Amino acid sequence: MNFKKVLTNGCISLNLKGSTKKAIIEEMVDLLVSSGKIQDREGALNAVLERERKMSTGMQYGVAIPHGKTNAVADLVSVLGIKKDGIDFAAQDGNPSNIFVM
């Protein structure tokens, strides 16, 4: 994956506001909607939340990689978000996540 091609203007937030896993995911999907990367918000959101229900994408060292697969998008899309204080994302190491790559 070439992040230069998929991580474009409007797909980065250095100050995510959400305080829960669901709120962070919704905020990131909304960034993709507002940047014109996806038109079917609910389809994309449901795909990411469904994947998250199967197993948390909170990794280690403050990083989480929420993602999903859906026909709601035509091409690979990505968004990067930072939450300075971090939130519980059920990470493997038990620490809060503050860097999110979807």
Foldseek 3Di string as FASTA:
>chain_A
DDCVVAEDPLQEAAAQDDADPLSSLLVNLVSCVVVVQFPPSVQFSVQQVVVCVVDFQAEDPQEGEGGGDGPRGDDDHKHWYFHPVFYPRVYPVRDGHGIYMD
